[in-house]
Amino acid sequence: MSRQRPAGRAGQAQVHVTFQAGCLRQWAVPSAEPDLAYTEQAFPECPTCPHRVEPEGAAPFCTLRPLGTAHPFAALAGLELPE
Protein backbone atom coordinates (compact mmCIF):
# COMPACT_ATOMS: atom_id res chain seq x y z
CA MET A 1 0.00 0.00 0.00
CA SER A 2 1.44 3.34 -0.92
CA ARG A 3 0.87 6.89 0.27
CA GLN A 4 -1.58 6.24 3.05
CA ARG A 5 -2.49 8.92 5.54
CA PRO A 6 -0.29 9.34 8.60
CA ALA A 7 -1.07 6.51 10.99
CA GLY A 8 -3.42 7.40 13.79
CA ARG A 9 -4.59 10.60 15.33
CA ALA A 10 -3.35 12.12 18.53
CA GLY A 11 -4.65 10.19 21.51
CA GLN A 12 -6.05 7.27 19.48
CA ALA A 13 -4.61 3.79 19.85
CA GLN A 14 -4.00 1.90 16.65
CA VAL A 15 -5.48 -1.54 16.20
CA HIS A 16 -5.29 -3.89 13.23
CA VAL A 17 -8.29 -3.24 11.00
CA THR A 18 -9.21 -5.23 7.92
CA PHE A 19 -9.90 -2.86 5.04
CA GLN A 20 -11.66 -3.93 1.87
CA ALA A 21 -11.56 -2.48 -1.64
CA GLY A 22 -14.45 -2.44 -4.09
CA CYS A 23 -12.87 -5.45 -5.85
CA LEU A 24 -13.15 -7.33 -2.49
CA ARG A 25 -9.38 -7.52 -1.90
CA GLN A 26 -8.56 -7.09 1.77
CA TRP A 27 -5.64 -5.68 3.76
CA ALA A 28 -5.19 -5.91 7.54
CA VAL A 29 -3.20 -2.91 8.75
CA PRO A 30 -2.83 -0.97 12.01
CA SER A 31 -4.90 2.18 11.62
CA ALA A 32 -7.26 4.50 13.46
CA GLU A 33 -8.45 6.04 10.16
CA PRO A 34 -12.03 5.63 8.87
CA ASP A 35 -10.77 4.77 5.39
CA LEU A 36 -7.57 4.57 3.37
CA ALA A 37 -6.60 5.31 -0.24
CA TYR A 38 -4.86 2.58 -2.22
CA THR A 39 -2.75 4.47 -4.77
CA GLU A 40 -0.38 1.78 -5.99
CA GLN A 41 -2.98 0.38 -8.44
CA ALA A 42 -0.78 -2.71 -8.91
CA PHE A 43 -3.39 -5.26 -9.94
CA PRO A 44 -4.05 -5.90 -13.65
CA GLU A 45 -7.72 -4.92 -13.44
CA CYS A 46 -7.10 -1.62 -11.58
CA PRO A 47 -7.10 0.60 -14.72
CA THR A 48 -10.62 -0.54 -15.66
CA CYS A 49 -12.07 -1.11 -12.17
CA PRO A 50 -15.46 0.59 -11.68
CA HIS A 51 -14.45 1.45 -8.09
CA ARG A 52 -11.38 3.45 -9.19
CA VAL A 53 -11.48 7.17 -8.36
CA GLU A 54 -9.70 9.55 -10.72
CA PRO A 55 -9.57 13.02 -9.15
CA GLU A 56 -8.61 15.92 -11.36
CA GLY A 57 -4.96 16.81 -10.86
CA ALA A 58 -4.14 13.83 -8.61
CA ALA A 59 -3.20 10.18 -8.90
CA PRO A 60 -6.04 7.64 -9.22
CA PHE A 61 -6.86 5.59 -6.13
CA CYS A 62 -9.22 3.06 -4.63
CA THR A 63 -10.94 3.76 -1.33
CA LEU A 64 -10.41 1.07 1.28
CA ARG A 65 -13.11 0.89 3.93
CA PRO A 66 -13.19 -1.20 7.11
CA LEU A 67 -14.65 -4.62 6.40
CA GLY A 68 -18.40 -4.65 7.01
CA THR A 69 -18.77 -0.87 6.82
CA ALA A 70 -21.53 0.47 4.60
CA HIS A 71 -20.62 2.70 1.68
CA PRO A 72 -20.82 6.36 2.78
CA PHE A 73 -23.59 7.01 0.22
CA ALA A 74 -25.60 3.86 1.06
CA ALA A 75 -28.20 5.92 2.91
CA LEU A 76 -28.94 7.79 -0.33
CA ALA A 77 -30.01 4.58 -2.13
CA GLY A 78 -33.61 4.93 -0.96
CA LEU A 79 -33.81 8.67 -1.57
CA GLU A 80 -36.67 9.66 -3.86
CA LEU A 81 -36.17 13.00 -5.56
CA PRO A 82 -39.16 14.97 -6.82
CA GLU A 83 -39.32 15.38 -10.58
PDB file of N, CA and C in Angstrom:
ATOM      1  N   MET A   1       0.850  -1.156   0.000  1.00  0.00           N
ATOM      2  CA  MET A   1       0.000   0.000   0.000  1.00  0.00           C
ATOM      3  C   MET A   1       0.897   1.221   0.000  1.00  0.00           C
ATOM      4  N   SER A   2       0.599   2.170  -0.845  1.00  0.00           N
ATOM      5  CA  SER A   2       1.445   3.340  -0.916  1.00  0.00           C
ATOM      6  C   SER A   2       0.672   4.593  -0.536  1.00  0.00           C
ATOM      7  N   ARG A   3       1.380   5.571  -0.086  1.00  0.00           N
ATOM      8  CA  ARG A   3       0.868   6.889   0.271  1.00  0.00           C
ATOM      9  C   ARG A   3      -0.414   6.868   1.077  1.00  0.00           C
ATOM     10  N   GLN A   4      -0.406   6.182   2.189  1.00  0.00           N
ATOM     11  CA  GLN A   4      -1.577   6.241   3.048  1.00  0.00           C
ATOM     12  C   GLN A   4      -1.426   7.404   4.004  1.00  0.00           C
ATOM     13  N   ARG A   5      -2.513   7.809   4.596  1.00  0.00           N
ATOM     14  CA  ARG A   5      -2.489   8.923   5.544  1.00  0.00           C
ATOM     15  C   ARG A   5      -1.583   8.594   6.718  1.00  0.00           C
ATOM     16  N   PRO A   6      -1.097   9.618   7.401  1.00  0.00           N
ATOM     17  CA  PRO A   6      -0.294   9.339   8.596  1.00  0.00           C
ATOM     18  C   PRO A   6      -1.076   8.450   9.554  1.00  0.00           C
ATOM     19  N   ALA A   7      -0.400   7.498  10.128  1.00  0.00           N
ATOM     20  CA  ALA A   7      -1.068   6.507  10.988  1.00  0.00           C
ATOM     21  C   ALA A   7      -1.557   7.114  12.282  1.00  0.00           C
ATOM     22  N   GLY A   8      -2.842   7.001  12.511  1.00  0.00           N
ATOM     23  CA  GLY A   8      -3.423   7.397  13.785  1.00  0.00           C
ATOM     24  C   GLY A   8      -3.579   8.890  13.981  1.00  0.00           C
ATOM     25  N   ARG A   9      -4.388   9.222  14.920  1.00  0.00           N
ATOM     26  CA  ARG A   9      -4.587  10.604  15.329  1.00  0.00           C
ATOM     27  C   ARG A   9      -4.139  10.717  16.760  1.00  0.00           C
ATOM     28  N   ALA A  10      -3.827  11.915  17.174  1.00  0.00           N
ATOM     29  CA  ALA A  10      -3.345  12.122  18.534  1.00  0.00           C
ATOM     30  C   ALA A  10      -4.325  11.544  19.545  1.00  0.00           C
ATOM     31  N   GLY A  11      -3.836  10.740  20.444  1.00  0.00           N
ATOM     32  CA  GLY A  11      -4.653  10.194  21.509  1.00  0.00           C
ATOM     33  C   GLY A  11      -5.431   8.943  21.138  1.00  0.00           C
ATOM     34  N   GLN A  12      -5.323   8.469  19.892  1.00  0.00           N
ATOM     35  CA  GLN A  12      -6.047   7.270  19.483  1.00  0.00           C
ATOM     36  C   GLN A  12      -5.085   6.102  19.353  1.00  0.00           C
ATOM     37  N   ALA A  13      -5.429   4.992  19.965  1.00  0.00           N
ATOM     38  CA  ALA A  13      -4.611   3.791  19.851  1.00  0.00           C
ATOM     39  C   ALA A  13      -4.891   3.129  18.514  1.00  0.00           C
ATOM     40  N   GLN A  14      -3.845   2.595  17.911  1.00  0.00           N
ATOM     41  CA  GLN A  14      -4.004   1.903  16.645  1.00  0.00           C
ATOM     42  C   GLN A  14      -4.247   0.423  16.888  1.00  0.00           C
ATOM     43  N   VAL A  15      -5.206  -0.117  16.167  1.00  0.00           N
ATOM     44  CA  VAL A  15      -5.485  -1.538  16.205  1.00  0.00           C
ATOM     45  C   VAL A  15      -5.477  -2.037  14.766  1.00  0.00           C
ATOM     46  N   HIS A  16      -5.243  -3.330  14.583  1.00  0.00           N
ATOM     47  CA  HIS A  16      -5.292  -3.888  13.235  1.00  0.00           C
ATOM     48  C   HIS A  16      -6.743  -3.895  12.760  1.00  0.00           C
ATOM     49  N   VAL A  17      -6.967  -3.315  11.609  1.00  0.00           N
ATOM     50  CA  VAL A  17      -8.291  -3.235  11.004  1.00  0.00           C
ATOM     51  C   VAL A  17      -8.187  -3.878   9.623  1.00  0.00           C
ATOM     52  N   THR A  18      -9.187  -4.668   9.262  1.00  0.00           N
ATOM     53  CA  THR A  18      -9.212  -5.233   7.922  1.00  0.00           C
ATOM     54  C   THR A  18      -9.989  -4.284   7.021  1.00  0.00           C
ATOM     55  N   PHE A  19      -9.300  -3.757   6.011  1.00  0.00           N
ATOM     56  CA  PHE A  19      -9.902  -2.857   5.043  1.00  0.00           C
ATOM     57  C   PHE A  19     -10.202  -3.635   3.777  1.00  0.00           C
ATOM     58  N   GLN A  20     -11.280  -3.245   3.095  1.00  0.00           N
ATOM     59  CA  GLN A  20     -11.664  -3.932   1.868  1.00  0.00           C
ATOM     60  C   GLN A  20     -11.861  -2.926   0.744  1.00  0.00           C
ATOM     61  N   ALA A  21     -11.382  -3.298  -0.435  1.00  0.00           N
ATOM     62  CA  ALA A  21     -11.559  -2.482  -1.637  1.00  0.00           C
ATOM     63  C   ALA A  21     -12.844  -2.896  -2.339  1.00  0.00           C
ATOM     64  N   GLY A  22     -13.256  -2.120  -3.312  1.00  0.00           N
ATOM     65  CA  GLY A  22     -14.446  -2.439  -4.089  1.00  0.00           C
ATOM     66  C   GLY A  22     -14.333  -3.761  -4.822  1.00  0.00           C
ATOM     67  N   CYS A  23     -13.101  -4.179  -5.146  1.00  0.00           N
ATOM     68  CA  CYS A  23     -12.874  -5.453  -5.848  1.00  0.00           C
ATOM     69  C   CYS A  23     -12.866  -6.628  -4.865  1.00  0.00           C
ATOM     70  N   LEU A  24     -13.094  -6.349  -3.594  1.00  0.00           N
ATOM     71  CA  LEU A  24     -13.155  -7.326  -2.494  1.00  0.00           C
ATOM     72  C   LEU A  24     -11.789  -7.783  -1.989  1.00  0.00           C
ATOM     73  N   ARG A  25     -10.691  -7.217  -2.492  1.00  0.00           N
ATOM     74  CA  ARG A  25      -9.378  -7.520  -1.903  1.00  0.00           C
ATOM     75  C   ARG A  25      -9.350  -6.913  -0.512  1.00  0.00           C
ATOM     76  N   GLN A  26      -8.606  -7.556   0.393  1.00  0.00           N
ATOM     77  CA  GLN A  26      -8.559  -7.091   1.773  1.00  0.00           C
ATOM     78  C   GLN A  26      -7.122  -6.916   2.243  1.00  0.00           C
ATOM     79  N   TRP A  27      -6.919  -5.937   3.117  1.00  0.00           N
ATOM     80  CA  TRP A  27      -5.641  -5.679   3.759  1.00  0.00           C
ATOM     81  C   TRP A  27      -5.896  -5.492   5.248  1.00  0.00           C
ATOM     82  N   ALA A  28      -5.113  -6.123   6.097  1.00  0.00           N
ATOM     83  CA  ALA A  28      -5.188  -5.912   7.544  1.00  0.00           C
ATOM     84  C   ALA A  28      -3.995  -5.055   7.936  1.00  0.00           C
ATOM     85  N   VAL A  29      -4.268  -3.856   8.399  1.00  0.00           N
ATOM     86  CA  VAL A  29      -3.204  -2.915   8.753  1.00  0.00           C
ATOM     87  C   VAL A  29      -3.556  -2.209  10.057  1.00  0.00           C
ATOM     88  N   PRO A  30      -2.547  -1.763  10.804  1.00  0.00           N
ATOM     89  CA  PRO A  30      -2.830  -0.973  12.006  1.00  0.00           C
ATOM     90  C   PRO A  30      -3.246   0.440  11.598  1.00  0.00           C
ATOM     91  N   SER A  31      -4.424   0.849  11.994  1.00  0.00           N
ATOM     92  CA  SER A  31      -4.899   2.178  11.618  1.00  0.00           C
ATOM     93  C   SER A  31      -6.049   2.617  12.505  1.00  0.00           C
ATOM     94  N   ALA A  32      -6.129   3.907  12.746  1.00  0.00           N
ATOM     95  CA  ALA A  32      -7.256   4.501  13.457  1.00  0.00           C
ATOM     96  C   ALA A  32      -8.077   5.344  12.482  1.00  0.00           C
ATOM     97  N   GLU A  33      -7.771   5.244  11.181  1.00  0.00           N
ATOM     98  CA  GLU A  33      -8.448   6.041  10.158  1.00  0.00           C
ATOM     99  C   GLU A  33      -9.764   5.386   9.736  1.00  0.00           C
ATOM    100  N   PRO A  34     -10.756   6.190   9.315  1.00  0.00           N
ATOM    101  CA  PRO A  34     -12.035   5.635   8.873  1.00  0.00           C
ATOM    102  C   PRO A  34     -11.972   4.995   7.496  1.00  0.00           C
ATOM    103  N   ASP A  35     -10.992   5.391   6.693  1.00  0.00           N
ATOM    104  CA  ASP A  35     -10.768   4.767   5.391  1.00  0.00           C
ATOM    105  C   ASP A  35      -9.356   5.097   4.926  1.00  0.00           C
ATOM    106  N   LEU A  36      -8.900   4.372   3.915  1.00  0.00           N
ATOM    107  CA  LEU A  36      -7.567   4.574   3.366  1.00  0.00           C
ATOM    108  C   LEU A  36      -7.668   4.675   1.853  1.00  0.00           C
ATOM    109  N   ALA A  37      -6.650   5.241   1.217  1.00  0.00           N
ATOM    110  CA  ALA A  37      -6.602   5.313  -0.237  1.00  0.00           C
ATOM    111  C   ALA A  37      -5.483   4.395  -0.727  1.00  0.00           C
ATOM    112  N   TYR A  38      -5.844   3.477  -1.615  1.00  0.00           N
ATOM    113  CA  TYR A  38      -4.860   2.583  -2.221  1.00  0.00           C
ATOM    114  C   TYR A  38      -4.437   3.213  -3.539  1.00  0.00           C
ATOM    115  N   THR A  39      -3.221   3.738  -3.591  1.00  0.00           N
ATOM    116  CA  THR A  39      -2.754   4.470  -4.769  1.00  0.00           C
ATOM    117  C   THR A  39      -1.823   3.672  -5.666  1.00  0.00           C
ATOM    118  N   GLU A  40      -1.346   2.547  -5.190  1.00  0.00           N
ATOM    119  CA  GLU A  40      -0.383   1.777  -5.993  1.00  0.00           C
ATOM    120  C   GLU A  40      -1.003   1.269  -7.293  1.00  0.00           C
ATOM    121  N   GLN A  41      -2.273   0.857  -7.258  1.00  0.00           N
ATOM    122  CA  GLN A  41      -2.976   0.380  -8.445  1.00  0.00           C
ATOM    123  C   GLN A  41      -2.176  -0.708  -9.163  1.00  0.00           C
ATOM    124  N   ALA A  42      -1.700  -1.696  -8.400  1.00  0.00           N
ATOM    125  CA  ALA A  42      -0.780  -2.710  -8.907  1.00  0.00           C
ATOM    126  C   ALA A  42      -1.434  -3.935  -9.534  1.00  0.00           C
ATOM    127  N   PHE A  43      -2.737  -4.069  -9.425  1.00  0.00           N
ATOM    128  CA  PHE A  43      -3.394  -5.261  -9.945  1.00  0.00           C
ATOM    129  C   PHE A  43      -3.799  -5.034 -11.400  1.00  0.00           C
ATOM    130  N   PRO A  44      -3.794  -6.071 -12.216  1.00  0.00           N
ATOM    131  CA  PRO A  44      -4.049  -5.903 -13.652  1.00  0.00           C
ATOM    132  C   PRO A  44      -5.402  -5.250 -13.970  1.00  0.00           C
ATOM    133  N   GLU A  45      -6.406  -5.486 -13.146  1.00  0.00           N
ATOM    134  CA  GLU A  45      -7.721  -4.925 -13.436  1.00  0.00           C
ATOM    135  C   GLU A  45      -7.910  -3.498 -12.908  1.00  0.00           C
ATOM    136  N   CYS A  46      -6.954  -2.961 -12.172  1.00  0.00           N
ATOM    137  CA  CYS A  46      -7.097  -1.619 -11.581  1.00  0.00           C
ATOM    138  C   CYS A  46      -7.433  -0.524 -12.612  1.00  0.00           C
ATOM    139  N   PRO A  47      -6.789  -0.487 -13.776  1.00  0.00           N
ATOM    140  CA  PRO A  47      -7.097   0.598 -14.723  1.00  0.00           C
ATOM    141  C   PRO A  47      -8.551   0.621 -15.206  1.00  0.00           C
ATOM    142  N   THR A  48      -9.242  -0.504 -15.182  1.00  0.00           N
ATOM    143  CA  THR A  48     -10.623  -0.543 -15.664  1.00  0.00           C
ATOM    144  C   THR A  48     -11.630  -0.814 -14.549  1.00  0.00           C
ATOM    145  N   CYS A  49     -11.195  -0.815 -13.308  1.00  0.00           N
ATOM    146  CA  CYS A  49     -12.070  -1.114 -12.173  1.00  0.00           C
ATOM    147  C   CYS A  49     -13.138  -0.027 -12.018  1.00  0.00           C
ATOM    148  N   PRO A  50     -14.415  -0.416 -11.860  1.00  0.00           N
ATOM    149  CA  PRO A  50     -15.463   0.588 -11.682  1.00  0.00           C
ATOM    150  C   PRO A  50     -15.389   1.318 -10.336  1.00  0.00           C
ATOM    151  N   HIS A  51     -14.577   0.817  -9.407  1.00  0.00           N
ATOM    152  CA  HIS A  51     -14.447   1.447  -8.090  1.00  0.00           C
ATOM    153  C   HIS A  51     -13.284   2.437  -8.037  1.00  0.00           C
ATOM    154  N   ARG A  52     -12.538   2.553  -9.109  1.00  0.00           N
ATOM    155  CA  ARG A  52     -11.382   3.452  -9.185  1.00  0.00           C
ATOM    156  C   ARG A  52     -11.858   4.909  -9.187  1.00  0.00           C
ATOM    157  N   VAL A  53     -11.182   5.742  -8.422  1.00  0.00           N
ATOM    158  CA  VAL A  53     -11.480   7.173  -8.355  1.00  0.00           C
ATOM    159  C   VAL A  53     -10.349   7.902  -9.062  1.00  0.00           C
ATOM    160  N   GLU A  54     -10.706   8.805  -9.967  1.00  0.00           N
ATOM    161  CA  GLU A  54      -9.698   9.553 -10.722  1.00  0.00           C
ATOM    162  C   GLU A  54      -9.910  11.052 -10.510  1.00  0.00           C
ATOM    163  N   PRO A  55      -9.389  11.589  -9.410  1.00  0.00           N
ATOM    164  CA  PRO A  55      -9.570  13.017  -9.145  1.00  0.00           C
ATOM    165  C   PRO A  55      -8.755  13.868 -10.122  1.00  0.00           C
ATOM    166  N   GLU A  56      -9.300  15.012 -10.454  1.00  0.00           N
ATOM    167  CA  GLU A  56      -8.612  15.918 -11.360  1.00  0.00           C
ATOM    168  C   GLU A  56      -7.339  16.448 -10.695  1.00  0.00           C
ATOM    169  N   GLY A  57      -6.220  16.296 -11.371  1.00  0.00           N
ATOM    170  CA  GLY A  57      -4.956  16.810 -10.862  1.00  0.00           C
ATOM    171  C   GLY A  57      -4.281  15.947  -9.809  1.00  0.00           C
ATOM    172  N   ALA A  58      -4.749  14.720  -9.611  1.00  0.00           N
ATOM    173  CA  ALA A  58      -4.145  13.833  -8.606  1.00  0.00           C
ATOM    174  C   ALA A  58      -4.109  12.406  -9.145  1.00  0.00           C
ATOM    175  N   ALA A  59      -3.326  11.577  -8.490  1.00  0.00           N
ATOM    176  CA  ALA A  59      -3.200  10.176  -8.897  1.00  0.00           C
ATOM    177  C   ALA A  59      -4.499   9.417  -8.622  1.00  0.00           C
ATOM    178  N   PRO A  60      -4.850   8.453  -9.478  1.00  0.00           N
ATOM    179  CA  PRO A  60      -6.040   7.639  -9.216  1.00  0.00           C
ATOM    180  C   PRO A  60      -5.841   6.787  -7.969  1.00  0.00           C
ATOM    181  N   PHE A  61      -6.941   6.411  -7.333  1.00  0.00           N
ATOM    182  CA  PHE A  61      -6.861   5.589  -6.132  1.00  0.00           C
ATOM    183  C   PHE A  61      -8.132   4.779  -5.964  1.00  0.00           C
ATOM    184  N   CYS A  62      -8.070   3.854  -5.037  1.00  0.00           N
ATOM    185  CA  CYS A  62      -9.218   3.056  -4.634  1.00  0.00           C
ATOM    186  C   CYS A  62      -9.415   3.314  -3.140  1.00  0.00           C
ATOM    187  N   THR A  63     -10.650   3.538  -2.738  1.00  0.00           N
ATOM    188  CA  THR A  63     -10.939   3.764  -1.330  1.00  0.00           C
ATOM    189  C   THR A  63     -11.081   2.427  -0.623  1.00  0.00           C
ATOM    190  N   LEU A  64     -10.338   2.274   0.453  1.00  0.00           N
ATOM    191  CA  LEU A  64     -10.414   1.068   1.277  1.00  0.00           C
ATOM    192  C   LEU A  64     -11.211   1.413   2.530  1.00  0.00           C
ATOM    193  N   ARG A  65     -12.272   0.658   2.757  1.00  0.00           N
ATOM    194  CA  ARG A  65     -13.113   0.894   3.930  1.00  0.00           C
ATOM    195  C   ARG A  65     -13.025  -0.298   4.872  1.00  0.00           C
ATOM    196  N   PRO A  66     -13.200  -0.077   6.166  1.00  0.00           N
ATOM    197  CA  PRO A  66     -13.185  -1.201   7.106  1.00  0.00           C
ATOM    198  C   PRO A  66     -14.207  -2.260   6.689  1.00  0.00           C
ATOM    199  N   LEU A  67     -13.805  -3.496   6.765  1.00  0.00           N
ATOM    200  CA  LEU A  67     -14.649  -4.623   6.396  1.00  0.00           C
ATOM    201  C   LEU A  67     -15.981  -4.543   7.130  1.00  0.00           C
ATOM    202  N   GLY A  68     -17.077  -4.686   6.411  1.00  0.00           N
ATOM    203  CA  GLY A  68     -18.402  -4.647   7.010  1.00  0.00           C
ATOM    204  C   GLY A  68     -19.007  -3.262   7.130  1.00  0.00           C
ATOM    205  N   THR A  69     -18.271  -2.239   6.748  1.00  0.00           N
ATOM    206  CA  THR A  69     -18.771  -0.869   6.823  1.00  0.00           C
ATOM    207  C   THR A  69     -19.578  -0.552   5.571  1.00  0.00           C
ATOM    208  N   ALA A  70     -20.701   0.084   5.744  1.00  0.00           N
ATOM    209  CA  ALA A  70     -21.526   0.475   4.599  1.00  0.00           C
ATOM    210  C   ALA A  70     -20.836   1.579   3.808  1.00  0.00           C
ATOM    211  N   HIS A  71     -21.124   1.624   2.532  1.00  0.00           N
ATOM    212  CA  HIS A  71     -20.615   2.699   1.675  1.00  0.00           C
ATOM    213  C   HIS A  71     -21.158   4.018   2.222  1.00  0.00           C
ATOM    214  N   PRO A  72     -20.365   5.093   2.194  1.00  0.00           N
ATOM    215  CA  PRO A  72     -20.822   6.358   2.779  1.00  0.00           C
ATOM    216  C   PRO A  72     -22.093   6.911   2.129  1.00  0.00           C
ATOM    217  N   PHE A  73     -22.389   6.524   0.891  1.00  0.00           N
ATOM    218  CA  PHE A  73     -23.587   7.010   0.217  1.00  0.00           C
ATOM    219  C   PHE A  73     -24.728   5.997   0.253  1.00  0.00           C
ATOM    220  N   ALA A  74     -24.576   4.911   1.011  1.00  0.00           N
ATOM    221  CA  ALA A  74     -25.597   3.862   1.064  1.00  0.00           C
ATOM    222  C   ALA A  74     -26.951   4.407   1.510  1.00  0.00           C
ATOM    223  N   ALA A  75     -26.948   5.358   2.407  1.00  0.00           N
ATOM    224  CA  ALA A  75     -28.203   5.918   2.905  1.00  0.00           C
ATOM    225  C   ALA A  75     -28.975   6.649   1.808  1.00  0.00           C
ATOM    226  N   LEU A  76     -28.283   7.073   0.764  1.00  0.00           N
ATOM    227  CA  LEU A  76     -28.938   7.785  -0.330  1.00  0.00           C
ATOM    228  C   LEU A  76     -29.651   6.843  -1.300  1.00  0.00           C
ATOM    229  N   ALA A  77     -29.431   5.548  -1.187  1.00  0.00           N
ATOM    230  CA  ALA A  77     -30.007   4.584  -2.126  1.00  0.00           C
ATOM    231  C   ALA A  77     -31.526   4.640  -2.146  1.00  0.00           C
ATOM    232  N   GLY A  78     -32.155   4.892  -1.027  1.00  0.00           N
ATOM    233  CA  GLY A  78     -33.607   4.930  -0.959  1.00  0.00           C
ATOM    234  C   GLY A  78     -34.185   6.321  -1.150  1.00  0.00           C
ATOM    235  N   LEU A  79     -33.354   7.291  -1.414  1.00  0.00           N
ATOM    236  CA  LEU A  79     -33.809   8.669  -1.567  1.00  0.00           C
ATOM    237  C   LEU A  79     -34.632   8.822  -2.838  1.00  0.00           C
ATOM    238  N   GLU A  80     -35.813   9.421  -2.708  1.00  0.00           N
ATOM    239  CA  GLU A  80     -36.669   9.659  -3.864  1.00  0.00           C
ATOM    240  C   GLU A  80     -36.725  11.168  -4.098  1.00  0.00           C
ATOM    241  N   LEU A  81     -36.190  11.587  -5.220  1.00  0.00           N
ATOM    242  CA  LEU A  81     -36.167  12.999  -5.564  1.00  0.00           C
ATOM    243  C   LEU A  81     -37.423  13.378  -6.334  1.00  0.00           C
ATOM    244  N   PRO A  82     -37.989  14.535  -6.057  1.00  0.00           N
ATOM    245  CA  PRO A  82     -39.164  14.974  -6.817  1.00  0.00           C
ATOM    246  C   PRO A  82     -38.737  15.317  -8.244  1.00  0.00           C
ATOM    247  N   GLU A  83     -39.639  15.074  -9.173  1.00  0.00           N
ATOM    248  CA  GLU A  83     -39.323  15.380 -10.577  1.00  0.00           C
ATOM    249  C   GLU A  83     -39.571  16.818 -10.907  1.00  0.00           C
TER     250      GLU A  83
END
